[in-house]
Amino acid sequence: MNELNDILDTLLGENGCPWDKKQTHESMKPYLLEEAREVIDAIDTGDMRALQEELGDVLLQVIFHSKLAEKAGAFTLQDVISTLCEKLIRRHSHVFGDDIAVTEEEVLRIWAKNKQKEKA
């Protein structure tokens, strides 16, 4: 992960890639959609090698957008990861808290309850 982070810093840095440096969240939207579709195609065909590659491309999109946000002073990749970790723990209160869920239906009910609490 550190190597990938360093590569993106280089690509977006002063002597980096002219194309990469011109990108914005808006200009990158089509690529995020394309990569997500390619992940779905790999799943549909059962091609694990393609799935591995396409998941890497989706990860690149997440890191790229995070780097753009970091350059704008909005948030960092670490902020994205921390927010995700906090959300996973909050929404899995049947694992990390006091709620009890044995069935999938109970998990979904708890997930919905916790998600609703976040919006309140």
Protein backbone atom coordinates (compact mmCIF):
# COMPACT_ATOMS: atom_id res chain seq x y z
CA MET A 1 0.00 0.00 0.00
CA ASN A 2 2.87 2.36 0.77
CA GLU A 3 4.41 1.70 -2.65
CA LEU A 4 1.09 2.40 -4.36
CA ASN A 5 0.71 5.60 -2.36
CA ASP A 6 4.22 6.68 -3.39
CA ILE A 7 3.52 5.92 -7.07
CA LEU A 8 0.40 8.10 -7.00
CA ASP A 9 2.30 10.89 -5.26
CA THR A 10 4.90 10.72 -8.06
CA LEU A 11 2.31 10.64 -10.84
CA LEU A 12 0.50 13.65 -9.39
CA GLY A 13 3.66 15.46 -8.34
CA GLU A 14 5.54 18.30 -9.99
CA ASN A 15 7.42 16.05 -12.43
CA GLY A 16 4.60 13.53 -12.75
CA CYS A 17 2.25 12.58 -15.55
CA PRO A 18 0.68 15.56 -17.38
CA TRP A 19 -2.58 13.64 -17.94
CA ASP A 20 -2.89 12.53 -14.32
CA LYS A 21 -2.15 16.03 -13.01
CA LYS A 22 -5.00 17.52 -15.09
CA GLN A 23 -7.65 15.17 -13.72
CA THR A 24 -10.46 16.21 -11.39
CA HIS A 25 -13.10 14.26 -9.51
CA GLU A 26 -15.50 15.18 -12.32
CA SER A 27 -13.20 14.09 -15.15
CA MET A 28 -12.50 10.77 -13.40
CA LYS A 29 -16.17 9.78 -12.99
CA PRO A 30 -16.39 7.79 -16.26
CA TYR A 31 -13.32 5.75 -15.33
CA LEU A 32 -14.74 4.80 -11.94
CA LEU A 33 -17.93 3.59 -13.60
CA GLU A 34 -15.97 1.71 -16.27
CA GLU A 35 -13.80 -0.06 -13.69
CA ALA A 36 -16.83 -1.02 -11.60
CA ARG A 37 -18.49 -2.51 -14.69
CA GLU A 38 -15.33 -4.46 -15.47
CA VAL A 39 -15.33 -5.91 -11.93
CA ILE A 40 -18.91 -7.04 -12.46
CA ASP A 41 -18.01 -8.59 -15.82
CA ALA A 42 -15.13 -10.51 -14.23
CA ILE A 43 -17.46 -11.79 -11.50
CA ASP A 44 -20.10 -12.76 -14.06
CA THR A 45 -17.58 -14.73 -16.12
CA GLY A 46 -15.91 -16.25 -13.06
CA ASP A 47 -12.51 -15.03 -14.26
CA MET A 48 -10.51 -14.68 -11.04
CA ARG A 49 -7.42 -13.32 -12.78
CA ALA A 50 -9.50 -10.57 -14.39
CA LEU A 51 -11.26 -9.92 -11.08
CA GLN A 52 -7.91 -9.45 -9.36
CA GLU A 53 -6.81 -6.96 -12.01
CA GLU A 54 -10.10 -5.07 -12.07
CA LEU A 55 -10.25 -4.79 -8.28
CA GLY A 56 -6.81 -3.20 -8.50
CA ASP A 57 -8.19 -0.72 -11.00
CA VAL A 58 -11.06 0.15 -8.63
CA LEU A 59 -8.55 0.56 -5.81
CA LEU A 60 -6.58 2.91 -8.04
CA GLN A 61 -9.72 5.01 -8.50
CA VAL A 62 -10.25 5.23 -4.73
CA ILE A 63 -6.66 6.26 -4.13
CA PHE A 64 -6.63 8.69 -7.07
CA HIS A 65 -9.76 10.46 -5.83
CA SER A 66 -8.33 10.54 -2.32
CA LYS A 67 -5.10 12.11 -3.62
CA LEU A 68 -7.08 14.76 -5.51
CA ALA A 69 -8.99 15.53 -2.32
CA GLU A 70 -5.77 15.66 -0.32
CA LYS A 71 -4.27 18.17 -2.76
CA ALA A 72 -7.40 20.31 -2.29
CA GLY A 73 -7.13 20.04 1.50
CA ALA A 74 -10.42 18.14 1.82
CA PHE A 75 -9.39 14.72 3.16
CA THR A 76 -6.72 12.03 2.84
CA LEU A 77 -6.68 8.35 2.00
CA GLN A 78 -6.18 7.66 5.71
CA ASP A 79 -9.37 9.64 6.40
CA VAL A 80 -11.24 7.43 3.91
CA ILE A 81 -9.89 4.28 5.55
CA SER A 82 -10.63 5.54 9.09
CA THR A 83 -14.18 6.51 8.13
CA LEU A 84 -14.75 3.07 6.59
CA CYS A 85 -13.38 1.28 9.68
CA GLU A 86 -15.61 3.32 11.98
CA LYS A 87 -18.66 2.62 9.81
CA LEU A 88 -17.97 -1.13 9.67
CA ILE A 89 -17.66 -1.30 13.45
CA ARG A 90 -20.81 0.81 14.01
CA ARG A 91 -22.91 -1.19 11.57
CA HIS A 92 -21.69 -4.55 12.87
CA SER A 93 -22.82 -3.99 16.45
CA HIS A 94 -23.72 -7.69 16.57
CA VAL A 95 -19.97 -8.41 16.25
CA PHE A 96 -18.33 -5.38 17.88
CA GLY A 97 -21.09 -4.39 20.30
CA ASP A 98 -23.94 -5.73 22.40
CA ASP A 99 -26.50 -6.58 19.71
CA ILE A 100 -27.16 -10.24 19.02
CA ALA A 101 -27.72 -11.68 15.56
CA VAL A 102 -27.80 -15.34 14.67
CA THR A 103 -29.59 -15.23 11.33
CA GLU A 104 -28.97 -13.22 8.20
CA GLU A 105 -32.34 -11.52 8.70
CA GLU A 106 -31.32 -10.35 12.17
CA VAL A 107 -28.06 -9.01 10.78
CA LEU A 108 -29.93 -7.05 8.10
CA ARG A 109 -32.34 -5.64 10.71
CA ILE A 110 -29.44 -4.52 12.93
CA TRP A 111 -27.57 -3.08 9.93
CA ALA A 112 -30.66 -1.05 8.92
CA LYS A 113 -31.18 0.14 12.53
CA ASN A 114 -27.56 1.25 12.83
CA LYS A 115 -27.61 2.94 9.44
CA GLN A 116 -30.79 4.81 10.43
CA LYS A 117 -29.11 5.98 13.67
CA GLU A 118 -26.25 7.42 11.60
CA LYS A 119 -28.67 9.53 9.58
CA ALA A 120 -30.43 10.89 12.67
